[in-house]
Protein backbone atom coordinates (compact mmCIF):
# COMPACT_ATOMS: atom_id res chain seq x y z
CA MET A 1 -24.96 -12.49 47.17
CA THR A 2 -26.91 -10.29 44.73
CA GLY A 3 -24.00 -7.80 44.68
CA ILE A 4 -21.56 -10.53 43.64
CA PHE A 5 -23.96 -11.73 40.96
CA ILE A 6 -24.33 -8.19 39.58
CA ALA A 7 -20.54 -7.67 39.66
CA VAL A 8 -20.00 -10.92 37.73
CA ILE A 9 -22.65 -9.93 35.15
CA VAL A 10 -21.03 -6.48 34.72
CA LEU A 11 -17.55 -8.05 34.29
CA VAL A 12 -18.80 -10.60 31.76
CA LEU A 13 -20.75 -7.95 29.87
CA GLY A 14 -17.71 -5.63 29.88
CA PHE A 15 -15.50 -8.46 28.62
CA VAL A 16 -17.93 -9.24 25.79
CA ILE A 17 -18.23 -5.59 24.77
CA ILE A 18 -14.47 -5.07 24.76
CA GLN A 19 -13.86 -8.35 22.94
CA ASN A 20 -16.38 -7.35 20.27
CA ARG A 21 -14.71 -3.96 19.81
CA LEU A 22 -11.29 -5.63 19.49
CA ALA A 23 -12.67 -8.15 17.00
CA ALA A 24 -14.18 -5.33 14.94
CA ALA A 25 -10.87 -3.44 15.00
CA GLN A 26 -8.96 -6.55 13.97
CA ASN A 27 -11.40 -7.26 11.14
CA ALA A 28 -11.03 -3.67 9.93
CA VAL A 29 -7.26 -4.23 9.73
CA TYR A 30 -7.76 -7.43 7.71
CA SER A 31 -10.22 -5.67 5.43
CA GLY A 32 -7.84 -2.75 4.93
CA PHE A 33 -5.00 -5.10 4.07
CA SER A 34 -7.22 -6.87 1.56
CA THR A 35 -8.06 -3.52 -0.05
CA ILE A 36 -4.36 -2.78 -0.43
CA GLN A 37 -3.82 -6.17 -2.07
CA ILE A 38 -6.68 -5.53 -4.50
CA GLN A 39 -5.29 -2.12 -5.50
CA LEU A 40 -1.79 -3.53 -5.89
CA LYS A 41 -3.16 -6.30 -8.14
CA ARG A 42 -4.89 -3.66 -10.28
CA ARG A 43 -1.59 -1.80 -10.57
CA HIS A 44 0.26 -5.01 -11.42
CA ASP A 45 -2.29 -5.81 -14.12
CA LEU A 46 -1.82 -2.40 -15.77
CA VAL A 47 1.98 -2.62 -16.03
CA PRO A 48 2.16 -5.25 -18.82
CA GLN A 49 -0.42 -3.34 -20.85
CA LEU A 50 1.60 -0.16 -20.51
CA VAL A 51 4.85 -1.90 -21.43
CA SER A 52 3.21 -3.54 -24.43
CA SER A 53 1.83 -0.22 -25.67
CA VAL A 54 5.14 1.57 -25.28
CA ARG A 55 7.11 -1.38 -26.68
CA SER A 56 5.16 -1.08 -29.91
CA ALA A 57 6.13 2.59 -30.13
CA ILE A 58 9.82 2.03 -29.34
CA SER A 59 11.28 -1.40 -29.83
CA GLN A 60 14.95 -0.61 -29.10
CA GLU A 61 14.49 -0.25 -25.33
CA ASN A 62 13.62 -3.86 -24.52
CA ARG A 63 16.02 -3.90 -21.54
CA LEU A 64 13.99 -1.20 -19.78
CA PHE A 65 10.71 -2.95 -20.54
CA ASP A 66 11.98 -6.32 -19.35
CA ALA A 67 13.26 -4.75 -16.11
CA VAL A 68 9.85 -3.23 -15.37
CA LEU A 69 8.12 -6.56 -16.01
CA ALA A 70 10.62 -8.42 -13.81
CA VAL A 71 10.07 -6.02 -10.93
CA ARG A 72 6.31 -6.35 -11.42
CA GLN A 73 6.58 -10.14 -11.14
CA LYS A 74 8.56 -9.77 -7.92
CA ALA A 75 5.83 -7.48 -6.54
CA ILE A 76 3.10 -9.97 -7.48
CA GLU A 77 4.97 -12.74 -5.66
CA ALA A 78 5.38 -10.53 -2.58
CA VAL A 79 1.63 -9.83 -2.47
CA GLY A 80 1.02 -13.56 -2.81
CA HIS A 81 3.24 -14.26 0.19
CA GLY A 82 1.30 -11.71 2.29
CA ASN A 83 4.46 -10.56 4.12
CA LEU A 84 4.10 -6.82 4.77
CA ASP A 85 7.85 -6.07 4.72
CA GLU A 86 8.38 -8.02 1.51
CA MET A 87 5.39 -6.27 -0.10
CA ARG A 88 6.61 -2.84 0.96
CA ASP A 89 10.10 -3.44 -0.48
CA ALA A 90 8.80 -4.93 -3.74
CA GLU A 91 6.28 -2.13 -4.24
CA ALA A 92 8.96 0.49 -3.57
CA GLU A 93 11.12 -1.16 -6.22
CA LEU A 94 8.18 -1.23 -8.65
CA SER A 95 7.45 2.45 -7.99
CA ALA A 96 11.09 3.35 -8.68
CA SER A 97 11.05 1.27 -11.86
CA LEU A 98 7.85 2.96 -13.05
CA ARG A 99 9.30 6.42 -12.29
CA GLN A 100 12.31 5.52 -14.46
CA PHE A 101 9.97 4.18 -17.13
CA PHE A 102 7.85 7.34 -17.18
CA GLY A 103 10.97 9.49 -17.12
CA TYR A 104 12.12 7.71 -20.25
CA ALA A 105 8.69 8.08 -21.84
CA GLU A 106 8.60 11.84 -21.14
CA HIS A 107 11.85 12.34 -23.03
CA HIS A 108 10.56 10.48 -26.08
CA PRO A 109 7.54 12.20 -27.66
CA GLU A 110 6.87 9.22 -29.92
CA VAL A 111 5.99 7.26 -26.77
CA THR A 112 3.78 9.79 -25.04
CA SER A 113 1.92 10.65 -28.23
CA THR A 114 0.33 7.19 -28.30
CA ALA A 115 -3.26 7.32 -27.01
CA ASN A 116 -2.98 3.91 -25.36
CA VAL A 117 0.08 5.00 -23.39
CA LEU A 118 -1.61 8.17 -22.20
CA GLU A 119 -4.71 6.25 -21.10
CA LEU A 120 -2.69 3.58 -19.31
CA GLN A 121 -0.54 6.23 -17.63
CA LYS A 122 -3.72 7.94 -16.42
CA GLN A 123 -5.05 4.62 -15.09
CA LEU A 124 -1.76 3.92 -13.31
CA GLU A 125 -1.85 7.35 -11.67
CA GLU A 126 -5.43 6.65 -10.60
CA SER A 127 -4.30 3.30 -9.24
CA GLU A 128 -1.49 4.97 -7.27
CA ASP A 129 -4.05 7.32 -5.71
CA GLN A 130 -6.26 4.38 -4.74
CA ILE A 131 -3.28 2.51 -3.26
CA SER A 132 -2.43 5.58 -1.18
CA ALA A 133 -6.01 5.81 0.04
CA ALA A 134 -6.05 2.09 0.88
CA ARG A 135 -2.77 2.46 2.79
CA ARG A 136 -4.17 5.38 4.79
CA LEU A 137 -7.31 3.39 5.65
CA TYR A 138 -5.28 0.33 6.60
CA ASN A 139 -2.86 2.35 8.74
CA GLY A 140 -5.77 4.10 10.49
CA ASN A 141 -7.30 0.72 11.29
CA VAL A 142 -3.94 -0.58 12.53
CA GLN A 143 -3.52 2.48 14.73
CA HIS A 144 -6.99 1.97 16.22
CA LEU A 145 -6.36 -1.73 16.93
CA ASN A 146 -2.91 -1.09 18.38
CA THR A 147 -4.27 1.68 20.61
CA MET A 148 -6.94 -0.66 21.91
CA LEU A 149 -4.30 -3.31 22.59
CA ASP A 150 -2.29 -0.73 24.57
CA ALA A 151 -5.20 0.68 26.61
CA ILE A 152 -6.56 -0.77 29.85
CA PRO A 153 -8.79 -2.85 30.12
CA SER A 154 -8.94 -3.79 26.43
CA ASN A 155 -5.29 -4.87 26.51
CA TRP A 156 -6.19 -7.47 29.17
CA VAL A 157 -8.97 -8.83 26.98
CA GLY A 158 -6.68 -8.77 23.93
CA TYR A 159 -4.03 -10.68 25.85
CA LEU A 160 -6.58 -13.30 26.93
CA MET A 161 -7.76 -13.63 23.32
CA GLY A 162 -4.18 -13.92 22.01
CA MET A 163 -4.43 -10.79 19.85
CA LYS A 164 -1.26 -9.11 18.63
CA LYS A 165 -0.50 -5.67 17.32
CA ALA A 166 -0.53 -5.20 13.57
CA ASP A 167 2.26 -3.60 11.52
CA LEU A 168 1.75 -0.34 9.66
CA PHE A 169 2.14 -0.30 5.88
CA ALA A 170 4.96 2.23 5.94
CA LEU A 171 7.10 3.65 3.18
CA GLY A 172 10.15 1.70 2.06
CA ASP A 173 13.63 3.18 2.49
CA ASP A 174 13.79 4.42 -1.12
CA GLU A 175 10.37 6.08 -0.79
CA VAL A 176 11.40 7.78 2.48
CA ARG A 177 14.51 9.20 0.77
CA ALA A 178 12.39 10.37 -2.19
CA VAL A 179 9.95 12.12 0.16
CA GLN A 180 12.77 13.78 2.12
CA ALA A 181 14.68 14.92 -0.96
CA ILE A 182 14.43 18.54 -1.94
CA PRO A 183 12.88 18.69 -5.41
CA GLU A 184 14.79 20.46 -8.14
CA ILE A 185 12.77 23.26 -9.67
CA ASP A 186 13.84 24.47 -13.08
CA LEU A 187 11.77 27.48 -14.09
CA PRO A 188 12.32 28.97 -17.53
CA GLY A 189 14.05 32.33 -17.27
CA ALA A 190 15.13 31.82 -13.66
CA ARG A 191 18.62 32.94 -12.72
CA PRO A 192 21.10 30.52 -11.17
């Protein structure tokens, strides 16, 4: 009788320990996702300031500015919906739009000479770094949770608790192509 009692206590204690570890892993995923949302909001808040600063330097390119702001609004709505796939696609579109925007700015010295533009560009680059760090943290937490939900006996406890695997915050299709593309290097004095 004492052996059965001890076995039941060990099983209950094991269940509680595993459930607590799963709950901690799941909370880390939620926290990581929240961090991504905060960094994306910071990025979204910087875009109108940048567009406004550049718009004052060059007024004839309103189409480009309006396109950047429209893509930003789409990204804000995606973050509001909380759908990971929608967020990933909208953020990839915003990144592409900002690359085009900065490409334009680099070819027009009157834009990049403005102190406000340089400061906002620096802040956006900083924001991109923080978004990347938040994605890495989130994806590490997702990997930890998903591993626990795959491993025995924590997968049994997870099943009993109704826990599901989380999705990674992966690169969008455009970002994957950009990463896989071979960069063009144009060195002065290099022979073709």
